[in-house]
C-alpha atoms as a PDB file:
ATOM      1  CA  MET A   1      -5.052  -7.013 -61.487  1.00  0.00           C
ATOM      2  CA  ILE A   2      -1.958  -4.853 -61.183  1.00  0.00           C
ATOM      3  CA  TYR A   3      -3.962  -2.165 -59.377  1.00  0.00           C
ATOM      4  CA  ILE A   4      -5.372  -4.634 -56.846  1.00  0.00           C
ATOM      5  CA  ASN A   5      -1.950  -6.121 -56.072  1.00  0.00           C
ATOM      6  CA  SER A   6      -0.410  -2.721 -55.483  1.00  0.00           C
ATOM      7  CA  LYS A   7      -3.274  -1.832 -53.186  1.00  0.00           C
ATOM      8  CA  VAL A   8      -2.756  -5.019 -51.185  1.00  0.00           C
ATOM      9  CA  ASN A   9       0.975  -4.372 -50.947  1.00  0.00           C
ATOM     10  CA  ILE A  10       0.373  -0.879 -49.635  1.00  0.00           C
ATOM     11  CA  TYR A  11      -2.032  -2.259 -47.042  1.00  0.00           C
ATOM     12  CA  ILE A  12       0.479  -4.845 -45.826  1.00  0.00           C
ATOM     13  CA  ILE A  13       3.220  -2.224 -45.509  1.00  0.00           C
ATOM     14  CA  THR A  14       0.907  -0.003 -43.455  1.00  0.00           C
ATOM     15  CA  ILE A  15       0.077  -2.806 -41.039  1.00  0.00           C
ATOM     16  CA  ASN A  16       3.706  -3.881 -40.640  1.00  0.00           C
ATOM     17  CA  THR A  17       4.724  -0.384 -39.574  1.00  0.00           C
ATOM     18  CA  LYS A  18       2.323  -0.618 -36.630  1.00  0.00           C
ATOM     19  CA  ILE A  19       2.994  -4.167 -35.448  1.00  0.00           C
ATOM     20  CA  GLN A  20       6.394  -5.337 -34.270  1.00  0.00           C
ATOM     21  CA  ARG A  21       7.115  -9.030 -34.059  1.00  0.00           C
ATOM     22  CA  ASP A  22       9.770 -10.951 -32.178  1.00  0.00           C
ATOM     23  CA  LYS A  23      12.094 -13.587 -33.681  1.00  0.00           C
ATOM     24  CA  ASN A  24       9.471 -16.310 -33.250  1.00  0.00           C
ATOM     25  CA  GLY A  25       6.779 -14.328 -34.997  1.00  0.00           C
ATOM     26  CA  GLY A  26       4.977 -13.272 -31.803  1.00  0.00           C
ATOM     27  CA  ILE A  27       3.601  -9.759 -31.439  1.00  0.00           C
ATOM     28  CA  MET A  28       5.820  -7.556 -29.258  1.00  0.00           C
ATOM     29  CA  GLU A  29       4.272  -5.114 -26.804  1.00  0.00           C
ATOM     30  CA  ASN A  30       4.865  -1.461 -27.608  1.00  0.00           C
ATOM     31  CA  LYS A  31       7.178   0.332 -25.131  1.00  0.00           C
ATOM     32  CA  GLY A  32       4.812   3.300 -25.055  1.00  0.00           C
ATOM     33  CA  GLN A  33       2.009   1.018 -23.919  1.00  0.00           C
ATOM     34  CA  LYS A  34       4.219  -0.310 -21.103  1.00  0.00           C
ATOM     35  CA  ILE A  35       5.036   3.203 -19.943  1.00  0.00           C
ATOM     36  CA  ASN A  36       1.349   4.168 -20.002  1.00  0.00           C
ATOM     37  CA  GLU A  37       0.460   1.023 -18.064  1.00  0.00           C
ATOM     38  CA  ARG A  38       3.176   1.750 -15.522  1.00  0.00           C
ATOM     39  CA  THR A  39       1.879   5.299 -15.080  1.00  0.00           C
ATOM     40  CA  GLY A  40      -1.594   3.925 -14.398  1.00  0.00           C
ATOM     41  CA  LEU A  41      -0.239   1.462 -11.840  1.00  0.00           C
ATOM     42  CA  ILE A  42       1.708   4.194 -10.050  1.00  0.00           C
ATOM     43  CA  LEU A  43      -1.415   6.369  -9.929  1.00  0.00           C
ATOM     44  CA  MET A  44      -3.323   3.473  -8.349  1.00  0.00           C
ATOM     45  CA  LEU A  45      -0.637   3.140  -5.680  1.00  0.00           C
ATOM     46  CA  LEU A  46      -0.644   6.882  -5.055  1.00  0.00           C
ATOM     47  CA  GLY A  47      -4.438   6.779  -4.716  1.00  0.00           C
ATOM     48  CA  SER A  48      -4.112   3.989  -2.173  1.00  0.00           C
ATOM     49  CA  ALA A  49      -1.494   5.910  -0.199  1.00  0.00           C
ATOM     50  CA  PHE A  50      -3.693   9.025  -0.276  1.00  0.00           C
ATOM     51  CA  LEU A  51      -6.579   7.099   1.284  1.00  0.00           C
ATOM     52  CA  TRP A  52      -4.331   5.285   3.766  1.00  0.00           C
ATOM     53  CA  SER A  53      -2.933   8.627   4.936  1.00  0.00           C
ATOM     54  CA  THR A  54      -6.274   9.473   6.557  1.00  0.00           C
ATOM     55  CA  GLY A  55      -5.953   6.523   8.940  1.00  0.00           C
ATOM     56  CA  GLY A  56      -4.045   8.220  11.771  1.00  0.00           C
ATOM     57  CA  PHE A  57      -6.405  11.180  11.949  1.00  0.00           C
ATOM     58  CA  LEU A  58      -9.555   9.044  11.701  1.00  0.00           C
ATOM     59  CA  ILE A  59      -8.366   6.550  14.339  1.00  0.00           C
ATOM     60  CA  LYS A  60      -7.725   9.468  16.722  1.00  0.00           C
ATOM     61  CA  LEU A  61     -11.206  10.752  15.866  1.00  0.00           C
ATOM     62  CA  VAL A  62     -12.969   7.515  16.893  1.00  0.00           C
ATOM     63  CA  ASP A  63     -13.557   7.339  20.642  1.00  0.00           C
ATOM     64  CA  LEU A  64     -13.303   3.549  20.966  1.00  0.00           C
ATOM     65  CA  SER A  65     -10.655   1.056  22.042  1.00  0.00           C
ATOM     66  CA  SER A  66      -8.070  -0.193  19.538  1.00  0.00           C
ATOM     67  CA  PHE A  67      -9.588  -3.656  19.217  1.00  0.00           C
ATOM     68  CA  GLN A  68     -13.133  -2.316  18.898  1.00  0.00           C
ATOM     69  CA  ILE A  69     -12.017  -0.034  16.052  1.00  0.00           C
ATOM     70  CA  ALA A  70     -10.158  -2.931  14.404  1.00  0.00           C
ATOM     71  CA  SER A  71     -13.170  -5.218  14.694  1.00  0.00           C
ATOM     72  CA  ILE A  72     -15.781  -2.825  13.289  1.00  0.00           C
ATOM     73  CA  ARG A  73     -13.493  -1.370  10.615  1.00  0.00           C
ATOM     74  CA  SER A  74     -12.568  -4.846   9.370  1.00  0.00           C
ATOM     75  CA  LEU A  75     -16.213  -5.889   9.168  1.00  0.00           C
ATOM     76  CA  ILE A  76     -17.052  -2.813   7.069  1.00  0.00           C
ATOM     77  CA  THR A  77     -14.008  -3.306   4.831  1.00  0.00           C
ATOM     78  CA  ALA A  78     -14.777  -7.010   4.318  1.00  0.00           C
ATOM     79  CA  THR A  79     -18.289  -6.062   3.176  1.00  0.00           C
ATOM     80  CA  VAL A  80     -16.892  -3.554   0.644  1.00  0.00           C
ATOM     81  CA  LEU A  81     -14.365  -6.085  -0.687  1.00  0.00           C
ATOM     82  CA  LEU A  82     -17.026  -8.789  -0.940  1.00  0.00           C
ATOM     83  CA  ILE A  83     -18.947  -6.598  -3.398  1.00  0.00           C
ATOM     84  CA  VAL A  84     -15.876  -6.644  -5.672  1.00  0.00           C
ATOM     85  CA  ILE A  85     -14.765 -10.248  -5.102  1.00  0.00           C
ATOM     86  CA  LYS A  86     -18.372 -11.571  -5.189  1.00  0.00           C
ATOM     87  CA  LYS A  87     -17.409 -15.217  -4.574  1.00  0.00           C
ATOM     88  CA  PRO A  88     -14.269 -15.586  -2.428  1.00  0.00           C
ATOM     89  CA  THR A  89     -12.518 -18.919  -2.848  1.00  0.00           C
ATOM     90  CA  PHE A  90     -12.121 -21.281   0.088  1.00  0.00           C
ATOM     91  CA  ASN A  91      -8.972 -23.027  -1.124  1.00  0.00           C
ATOM     92  CA  PHE A  92      -6.494 -21.669   1.391  1.00  0.00           C
ATOM     93  CA  SER A  93      -2.974 -21.748  -0.004  1.00  0.00           C
ATOM     94  CA  MET A  94      -0.006 -20.996   2.231  1.00  0.00           C
ATOM     95  CA  ASN A  95       0.318 -17.562   0.598  1.00  0.00           C
ATOM     96  CA  LYS A  96      -3.288 -16.735   1.389  1.00  0.00           C
ATOM     97  CA  ILE A  97      -3.091 -17.962   4.991  1.00  0.00           C
ATOM     98  CA  LEU A  98       0.171 -16.187   5.777  1.00  0.00           C
ATOM     99  CA  GLY A  99      -1.049 -13.102   3.936  1.00  0.00           C
ATOM    100  CA  ALA A 100      -4.220 -12.981   6.041  1.00  0.00           C
ATOM    101  CA  ILE A 101      -2.183 -13.381   9.241  1.00  0.00           C
ATOM    102  CA  ALA A 102       0.210 -10.612   8.154  1.00  0.00           C
ATOM    103  CA  TYR A 103      -2.683  -8.285   7.332  1.00  0.00           C
ATOM    104  CA  ALA A 104      -4.480  -8.938  10.638  1.00  0.00           C
ATOM    105  CA  SER A 105      -1.252  -8.410  12.577  1.00  0.00           C
ATOM    106  CA  MET A 106      -0.551  -5.171  10.714  1.00  0.00           C
ATOM    107  CA  SER A 107      -4.055  -3.839  11.309  1.00  0.00           C
ATOM    108  CA  LEU A 108      -4.171  -4.657  15.025  1.00  0.00           C
ATOM    109  CA  CYS A 109      -0.635  -3.406  15.673  1.00  0.00           C
ATOM    110  CA  TYR A 110      -1.035  -0.148  13.783  1.00  0.00           C
ATOM    111  CA  ILE A 111      -4.327   0.821  15.437  1.00  0.00           C
ATOM    112  CA  SER A 112      -2.935  -0.063  18.875  1.00  0.00           C
ATOM    113  CA  ALA A 113       0.248   1.917  18.223  1.00  0.00           C
ATOM    114  CA  THR A 114      -1.688   4.943  16.971  1.00  0.00           C
ATOM    115  CA  LYS A 115      -3.778   4.928  20.157  1.00  0.00           C
ATOM    116  CA  MET A 116      -0.799   4.384  22.482  1.00  0.00           C
ATOM    117  CA  THR A 117       1.784   6.737  20.967  1.00  0.00           C
ATOM    118  CA  THR A 118       1.779   9.705  18.613  1.00  0.00           C
ATOM    119  CA  ALA A 119       0.449   9.196  15.097  1.00  0.00           C
ATOM    120  CA  ALA A 120       3.825  10.394  13.787  1.00  0.00           C
ATOM    121  CA  ASN A 121       5.722   7.731  15.724  1.00  0.00           C
ATOM    122  CA  ALA A 122       3.289   5.034  14.625  1.00  0.00           C
ATOM    123  CA  ILE A 123       3.584   5.858  10.931  1.00  0.00           C
ATOM    124  CA  ILE A 124       7.349   6.345  10.772  1.00  0.00           C
ATOM    125  CA  LEU A 125       8.017   3.062  12.563  1.00  0.00           C
ATOM    126  CA  GLN A 126       5.513   1.208  10.386  1.00  0.00           C
ATOM    127  CA  TYR A 127       7.224   2.503   7.265  1.00  0.00           C
ATOM    128  CA  THR A 128      10.463   0.777   8.065  1.00  0.00           C
ATOM    129  CA  ALA A 129       8.773  -1.941   5.957  1.00  0.00           C
ATOM    130  CA  PRO A 130      11.011  -1.421   2.877  1.00  0.00           C
ATOM    131  CA  ILE A 131      13.970  -2.643   4.909  1.00  0.00           C
ATOM    132  CA  TYR A 132      12.281  -5.985   5.632  1.00  0.00           C
ATOM    133  CA  ILE A 133      11.034  -6.271   2.052  1.00  0.00           C
ATOM    134  CA  ALA A 134      14.546  -5.669   0.741  1.00  0.00           C
ATOM    135  CA  ILE A 135      15.863  -8.366   3.095  1.00  0.00           C
ATOM    136  CA  PHE A 136      13.177 -11.029   2.565  1.00  0.00           C
ATOM    137  CA  GLY A 137      11.976 -10.093  -0.944  1.00  0.00           C
ATOM    138  CA  GLY A 138      14.924 -11.740  -2.669  1.00  0.00           C
ATOM    139  CA  TRP A 139      14.177 -15.022  -0.897  1.00  0.00           C
ATOM    140  CA  LEU A 140      10.365 -15.058  -1.038  1.00  0.00           C
ATOM    141  CA  LEU A 141       9.761 -13.175  -4.286  1.00  0.00           C
ATOM    142  CA  LYS A 142      13.001 -13.537  -6.239  1.00  0.00           C
ATOM    143  CA  GLU A 143      12.882  -9.752  -6.496  1.00  0.00           C
ATOM    144  CA  ARG A 144      16.288  -8.687  -5.304  1.00  0.00           C
ATOM    145  CA  ALA A 145      16.850  -5.088  -4.270  1.00  0.00           C
ATOM    146  CA  SER A 146      19.232  -3.227  -6.551  1.00  0.00           C
ATOM    147  CA  LEU A 147      21.943  -0.856  -5.367  1.00  0.00           C
ATOM    148  CA  LYS A 148      19.624   1.993  -6.331  1.00  0.00           C
ATOM    149  CA  ASP A 149      16.912   0.537  -4.058  1.00  0.00           C
ATOM    150  CA  TRP A 150      19.291   0.313  -1.097  1.00  0.00           C
ATOM    151  CA  VAL A 151      20.425   3.900  -1.652  1.00  0.00           C
ATOM    152  CA  THR A 152      16.762   4.976  -1.809  1.00  0.00           C
ATOM    153  CA  ILE A 153      16.081   3.150   1.468  1.00  0.00           C
ATOM    154  CA  LEU A 154      18.930   5.032   3.160  1.00  0.00           C
ATOM    155  CA  PHE A 155      17.613   8.386   1.927  1.00  0.00           C
ATOM    156  CA  VAL A 156      14.047   7.475   2.929  1.00  0.00           C
ATOM    157  CA  ILE A 157      15.081   6.474   6.441  1.00  0.00           C
ATOM    158  CA  GLY A 158      17.111   9.660   6.822  1.00  0.00           C
ATOM    159  CA  GLY A 159      14.281  11.801   5.503  1.00  0.00           C
ATOM    160  CA  MET A 160      11.661  10.103   7.653  1.00  0.00           C
ATOM    161  CA  VAL A 161      13.717  10.614  10.806  1.00  0.00           C
ATOM    162  CA  LEU A 162      14.047  14.312   9.988  1.00  0.00           C
ATOM    163  CA  PHE A 163      10.352  14.552   9.093  1.00  0.00           C
ATOM    164  CA  PHE A 164       9.296  13.381  12.553  1.00  0.00           C
ATOM    165  CA  PHE A 165      12.351  14.630  14.444  1.00  0.00           C
ATOM    166  CA  ASP A 166      10.325  16.786  16.812  1.00  0.00           C
ATOM    167  CA  ASP A 167       8.056  13.884  17.773  1.00  0.00           C
ATOM    168  CA  ILE A 168      10.371  10.876  17.776  1.00  0.00           C
ATOM    169  CA  GLY A 169      11.049  11.153  21.499  1.00  0.00           C
ATOM    170  CA  GLY A 170       7.396  11.375  22.467  1.00  0.00           C
ATOM    171  CA  GLY A 171       4.832   8.667  23.026  1.00  0.00           C
ATOM    172  CA  MET A 172       4.904   5.549  25.102  1.00  0.00           C
ATOM    173  CA  MET A 173       7.711   3.069  24.492  1.00  0.00           C
ATOM    174  CA  LYS A 174       5.221   0.197  24.322  1.00  0.00           C
ATOM    175  CA  GLY A 175       3.370   1.918  21.494  1.00  0.00           C
ATOM    176  CA  ASN A 176       6.631   2.486  19.621  1.00  0.00           C
ATOM    177  CA  ILE A 177       7.580  -1.195  19.915  1.00  0.00           C
ATOM    178  CA  ILE A 178       4.140  -2.254  18.642  1.00  0.00           C
ATOM    179  CA  ALA A 179       4.568   0.145  15.707  1.00  0.00           C
ATOM    180  CA  ILE A 180       7.820  -1.605  14.773  1.00  0.00           C
ATOM    181  CA  PHE A 181       5.966  -4.933  14.655  1.00  0.00           C
ATOM    182  CA  SER A 182       3.367  -3.198  12.496  1.00  0.00           C
ATOM    183  CA  GLY A 183       6.150  -2.385  10.014  1.00  0.00           C
ATOM    184  CA  VAL A 184       7.273  -6.026   9.915  1.00  0.00           C
ATOM    185  CA  ALA A 185       3.665  -7.105   9.333  1.00  0.00           C
ATOM    186  CA  LEU A 186       3.227  -4.487   6.574  1.00  0.00           C
ATOM    187  CA  ALA A 187       6.293  -5.877   4.800  1.00  0.00           C
ATOM    188  CA  PHE A 188       5.002  -9.448   4.857  1.00  0.00           C
ATOM    189  CA  ASN A 189       1.482  -8.341   3.907  1.00  0.00           C
ATOM    190  CA  THR A 190       2.981  -6.706   0.795  1.00  0.00           C
ATOM    191  CA  ILE A 191       5.170  -9.737   0.051  1.00  0.00           C
ATOM    192  CA  PHE A 192       2.330 -12.256   0.254  1.00  0.00           C
ATOM    193  CA  MET A 193       0.000 -10.043  -1.797  1.00  0.00           C
ATOM    194  CA  ARG A 194       2.737  -9.911  -4.440  1.00  0.00           C
ATOM    195  CA  ARG A 195       3.064 -13.724  -4.304  1.00  0.00           C
ATOM    196  CA  GLN A 196      -0.643 -13.868  -5.203  1.00  0.00           C
ATOM    197  CA  LYS A 197      -0.062 -11.845  -8.394  1.00  0.00           C
ATOM    198  CA  ASP A 198      -1.244 -14.716 -10.615  1.00  0.00           C
ATOM    199  CA  GLU A 199      -4.435 -15.120  -8.572  1.00  0.00           C
ATOM    200  CA  ASN A 200      -6.371 -12.480  -6.619  1.00  0.00           C
ATOM    201  CA  PRO A 201      -4.329 -10.522  -4.032  1.00  0.00           C
ATOM    202  CA  LEU A 202      -7.511  -8.850  -2.802  1.00  0.00           C
ATOM    203  CA  GLU A 203      -8.588 -12.141  -1.218  1.00  0.00           C
ATOM    204  CA  ASN A 204      -5.616 -11.922   1.150  1.00  0.00           C
ATOM    205  CA  VAL A 205      -7.027  -8.640   2.444  1.00  0.00           C
ATOM    206  CA  PHE A 206     -10.576  -9.985   2.610  1.00  0.00           C
ATOM    207  CA  TRP A 207      -9.603 -13.012   4.694  1.00  0.00           C
ATOM    208  CA  GLY A 208      -7.274 -10.792   6.719  1.00  0.00           C
ATOM    209  CA  CYS A 209     -10.268  -8.608   7.574  1.00  0.00           C
ATOM    210  CA  ILE A 210     -12.263 -11.677   8.585  1.00  0.00           C
ATOM    211  CA  LEU A 211      -9.387 -12.870  10.788  1.00  0.00           C
ATOM    212  CA  THR A 212      -9.033  -9.405  12.348  1.00  0.00           C
ATOM    213  CA  PHE A 213     -12.745  -9.345  13.118  1.00  0.00           C
ATOM    214  CA  ILE A 214     -12.596 -12.798  14.721  1.00  0.00           C
ATOM    215  CA  VAL A 215      -9.596 -11.914  16.896  1.00  0.00           C
ATOM    216  CA  ALA A 216     -11.049  -8.570  17.989  1.00  0.00           C
ATOM    217  CA  SER A 217     -14.720  -9.661  18.098  1.00  0.00           C
ATOM    218  CA  PRO A 218     -14.952  -9.774  21.929  1.00  0.00           C
ATOM    219  CA  SER A 219     -14.533  -5.982  21.837  1.00  0.00           C
ATOM    220  CA  THR A 220     -17.038  -5.305  19.039  1.00  0.00           C
ATOM    221  CA  PHE A 221     -19.900  -4.225  21.305  1.00  0.00           C
ATOM    222  CA  ALA A 222     -17.844  -3.074  24.301  1.00  0.00           C
ATOM    223  CA  LYS A 223     -19.029   0.513  23.890  1.00  0.00           C
ATOM    224  CA  VAL A 224     -21.760   2.168  21.858  1.00  0.00           C
ATOM    225  CA  PRO A 225     -20.064   4.567  19.394  1.00  0.00           C
ATOM    226  CA  ASP A 226     -21.258   8.158  19.192  1.00  0.00           C
ATOM    227  CA  THR A 227     -22.120   9.880  15.904  1.00  0.00           C
ATOM    228  CA  LYS A 228     -18.572  11.164  15.358  1.00  0.00           C
ATOM    229  CA  SER A 229     -17.145   7.687  15.903  1.00  0.00           C
ATOM    230  CA  ILE A 230     -19.669   6.092  13.539  1.00  0.00           C
ATOM    231  CA  ILE A 231     -18.704   8.529  10.775  1.00  0.00           C
ATOM    232  CA  GLY A 232     -15.023   7.839  11.446  1.00  0.00           C
ATOM    233  CA  LEU A 233     -15.543   4.067  11.316  1.00  0.00           C
ATOM    234  CA  LEU A 234     -17.458   4.279   8.033  1.00  0.00           C
ATOM    235  CA  LEU A 235     -14.717   6.411   6.475  1.00  0.00           C
ATOM    236  CA  LEU A 236     -12.054   4.013   7.769  1.00  0.00           C
ATOM    237  CA  GLY A 237     -13.819   0.892   6.525  1.00  0.00           C
ATOM    238  CA  ILE A 238     -15.088   2.092   3.147  1.00  0.00           C
ATOM    239  CA  PHE A 239     -12.450   4.530   1.926  1.00  0.00           C
ATOM    240  CA  GLN A 240      -9.306   4.281   4.056  1.00  0.00           C
ATOM    241  CA  LEU A 241      -9.114   0.484   3.651  1.00  0.00           C
ATOM    242  CA  GLY A 242     -11.814  -0.770   1.284  1.00  0.00           C
ATOM    243  CA  ILE A 243     -11.338   1.325  -1.848  1.00  0.00           C
ATOM    244  CA  SER A 244      -7.613   1.768  -1.190  1.00  0.00           C
ATOM    245  CA  TYR A 245      -6.950  -1.977  -1.204  1.00  0.00           C
ATOM    246  CA  ILE A 246      -9.057  -2.489  -4.318  1.00  0.00           C
ATOM    247  CA  LEU A 247      -6.654  -0.130  -6.105  1.00  0.00           C
ATOM    248  CA  TYR A 248      -3.571  -1.572  -4.414  1.00  0.00           C
ATOM    249  CA  SER A 249      -4.455  -5.184  -5.251  1.00  0.00           C
ATOM    250  CA  LYS A 250      -4.596  -4.330  -8.961  1.00  0.00           C
ATOM    251  CA  ALA A 251      -1.238  -2.539  -8.942  1.00  0.00           C
ATOM    252  CA  ILE A 252       0.680  -5.072  -6.830  1.00  0.00           C
ATOM    253  CA  LYS A 253       0.244  -7.698  -9.546  1.00  0.00           C
ATOM    254  CA  LYS A 254       2.702  -5.878 -11.808  1.00  0.00           C
ATOM    255  CA  ILE A 255       4.746  -3.627  -9.519  1.00  0.00           C
ATOM    256  CA  THR A 256       7.467  -5.167  -7.353  1.00  0.00           C
ATOM    257  CA  ALA A 257       6.810  -5.302  -3.612  1.00  0.00           C
ATOM    258  CA  LEU A 258       9.696  -2.982  -2.775  1.00  0.00           C
ATOM    259  CA  GLU A 259       8.770  -0.356  -5.347  1.00  0.00           C
ATOM    260  CA  ALA A 260       5.099  -0.485  -4.303  1.00  0.00           C
ATOM    261  CA  THR A 261       6.183   0.293  -0.752  1.00  0.00           C
ATOM    262  CA  PHE A 262       8.442   3.121  -1.930  1.00  0.00           C
ATOM    263  CA  ILE A 263       5.549   4.754  -3.781  1.00  0.00           C
ATOM    264  CA  SER A 264       3.225   4.250  -0.800  1.00  0.00           C
ATOM    265  CA  LEU A 265       5.664   6.190   1.378  1.00  0.00           C
ATOM    266  CA  VAL A 266       3.768   9.330   0.405  1.00  0.00           C
ATOM    267  CA  GLU A 267       1.271   8.208   3.070  1.00  0.00           C
ATOM    268  CA  PRO A 268       3.355   9.467   6.008  1.00  0.00           C
ATOM    269  CA  ILE A 269       4.047  12.639   4.054  1.00  0.00           C
ATOM    270  CA  LEU A 270       0.331  13.356   3.650  1.00  0.00           C
ATOM    271  CA  SER A 271      -0.687  12.374   7.184  1.00  0.00           C
ATOM    272  CA  PRO A 272       0.502  15.659   8.776  1.00  0.00           C
ATOM    273  CA  VAL A 273      -1.593  17.554   6.232  1.00  0.00           C
ATOM    274  CA  TRP A 274      -4.762  16.021   7.666  1.00  0.00           C
ATOM    275  CA  VAL A 275      -3.507  16.774  11.189  1.00  0.00           C
ATOM    276  CA  PHE A 276      -2.943  20.403  10.178  1.00  0.00           C
ATOM    277  CA  LEU A 277      -6.426  20.663   8.658  1.00  0.00           C
ATOM    278  CA  ALA A 278      -7.994  19.071  11.743  1.00  0.00           C
ATOM    279  CA  ILE A 279      -6.138  20.724  14.621  1.00  0.00           C
ATOM    280  CA  GLY A 280      -3.946  23.385  12.993  1.00  0.00           C
ATOM    281  CA  GLU A 281      -0.615  21.692  13.649  1.00  0.00           C
ATOM    282  CA  ILE A 282       2.117  23.210  11.439  1.00  0.00           C
ATOM    283  CA  PRO A 283       5.115  21.044  10.418  1.00  0.00           C
ATOM    284  CA  GLY A 284       8.506  22.340  11.527  1.00  0.00           C
ATOM    285  CA  VAL A 285      11.598  23.006   9.441  1.00  0.00           C
ATOM    286  CA  PHE A 286      12.949  19.482   9.951  1.00  0.00           C
ATOM    287  CA  SER A 287       9.603  18.006   8.864  1.00  0.00           C
ATOM    288  CA  VAL A 288       9.622  20.004   5.640  1.00  0.00           C
ATOM    289  CA  LEU A 289      13.263  19.093   4.930  1.00  0.00           C
ATOM    290  CA  GLY A 290      12.572  15.408   5.612  1.00  0.00           C
ATOM    291  CA  GLY A 291       9.541  15.458   3.344  1.00  0.00           C
ATOM    292  CA  VAL A 292      11.556  16.964   0.494  1.00  0.00           C
ATOM    293  CA  ILE A 293      14.246  14.266   0.871  1.00  0.00           C
ATOM    294  CA  VAL A 294      11.714  11.418   0.929  1.00  0.00           C
ATOM    295  CA  LEU A 295       9.732  12.723  -2.048  1.00  0.00           C
ATOM    296  CA  ALA A 296      12.906  13.353  -4.053  1.00  0.00           C
ATOM    297  CA  ALA A 297      14.260   9.852  -3.347  1.00  0.00           C
ATOM    298  CA  ILE A 298      10.957   8.201  -4.269  1.00  0.00           C
ATOM    299  CA  THR A 299      10.558  10.313  -7.413  1.00  0.00           C
ATOM    300  CA  VAL A 300      14.037   9.469  -8.706  1.00  0.00           C
ATOM    301  CA  ASN A 301      13.485   5.771  -7.981  1.00  0.00           C
ATOM    302  CA  CYS A 302      10.089   5.660  -9.698  1.00  0.00           C
ATOM    303  CA  LEU A 303      11.016   7.714 -12.777  1.00  0.00           C
ATOM    304  CA  THR A 304      13.571   5.100 -13.775  1.00  0.00           C
ATOM    305  CA  PHE A 305      11.847   2.879 -16.312  1.00  0.00           C
ATOM    306  CA  ARG A 306      11.323  -0.670 -15.107  1.00  0.00           C
ATOM    307  CA  LYS A 307       9.801  -3.517 -17.035  1.00  0.00           C
ATOM    308  CA  VAL A 308       6.180  -4.153 -16.096  1.00  0.00           C
ATOM    309  CA  LYS A 309       6.005  -7.813 -15.103  1.00  0.00           C
END
């Protein structure tokens, strides 16, 4: 009997060293697990940004109008997302409706801007989104920007301007203005996906694709795409948007809207790489300096441990 009791006591001690409980007796989550989860979420966001970064190059590759690209790409993306969602719900909350509108606006504006002005102008003006998220996030998400976030925004803006300094004066003014609206739409798309964190943020994108297709549908068959354009459209629909948003929708549930946008800012850093590989364009000194500033600001912001919500 004494031997059995001592064995039980040893067993209990072993278990208690592995499980931490709060004051109410509930099991507390290990900090190491939170850090590992956060790392996984950041990698998902980086994967999304990597895929998104191919958008400018692929849109330039497709020899179709902006609305025809938007229509066909959205139809392909919606098909990919439907495989994951399986049965989309038809109960349209305000978050889902406004999220779909924000997504459709972002998609149409960005493609139009990329066609009308330089890809560099389009991407830098779209990625003013953190400013709008910082302004409206506190009201719509109760996720107020910290002083560190505002400092990061200032460094990011400064770095982005330097990164595209050689190109900022080029392009048509109309395309630049549309790109600014694309940035506003990106901010609200991120905000309303975050507001769906307790449901399925991916449905916002799915219905946004459907709305984009409906709006741009008159242009769907305006011109028969050649082989190069078909390949570009498939890459845009399946990888650049489809798979990227599957990853993003998982991460946005537990990463704040502002931080998710900070991490995604690697997209405009990677975009010139694809341009270089495609047409041999080499970034200038200001571009390299701007990229270093942006990456450093984002890295410092993301390395600070934040509670996974």
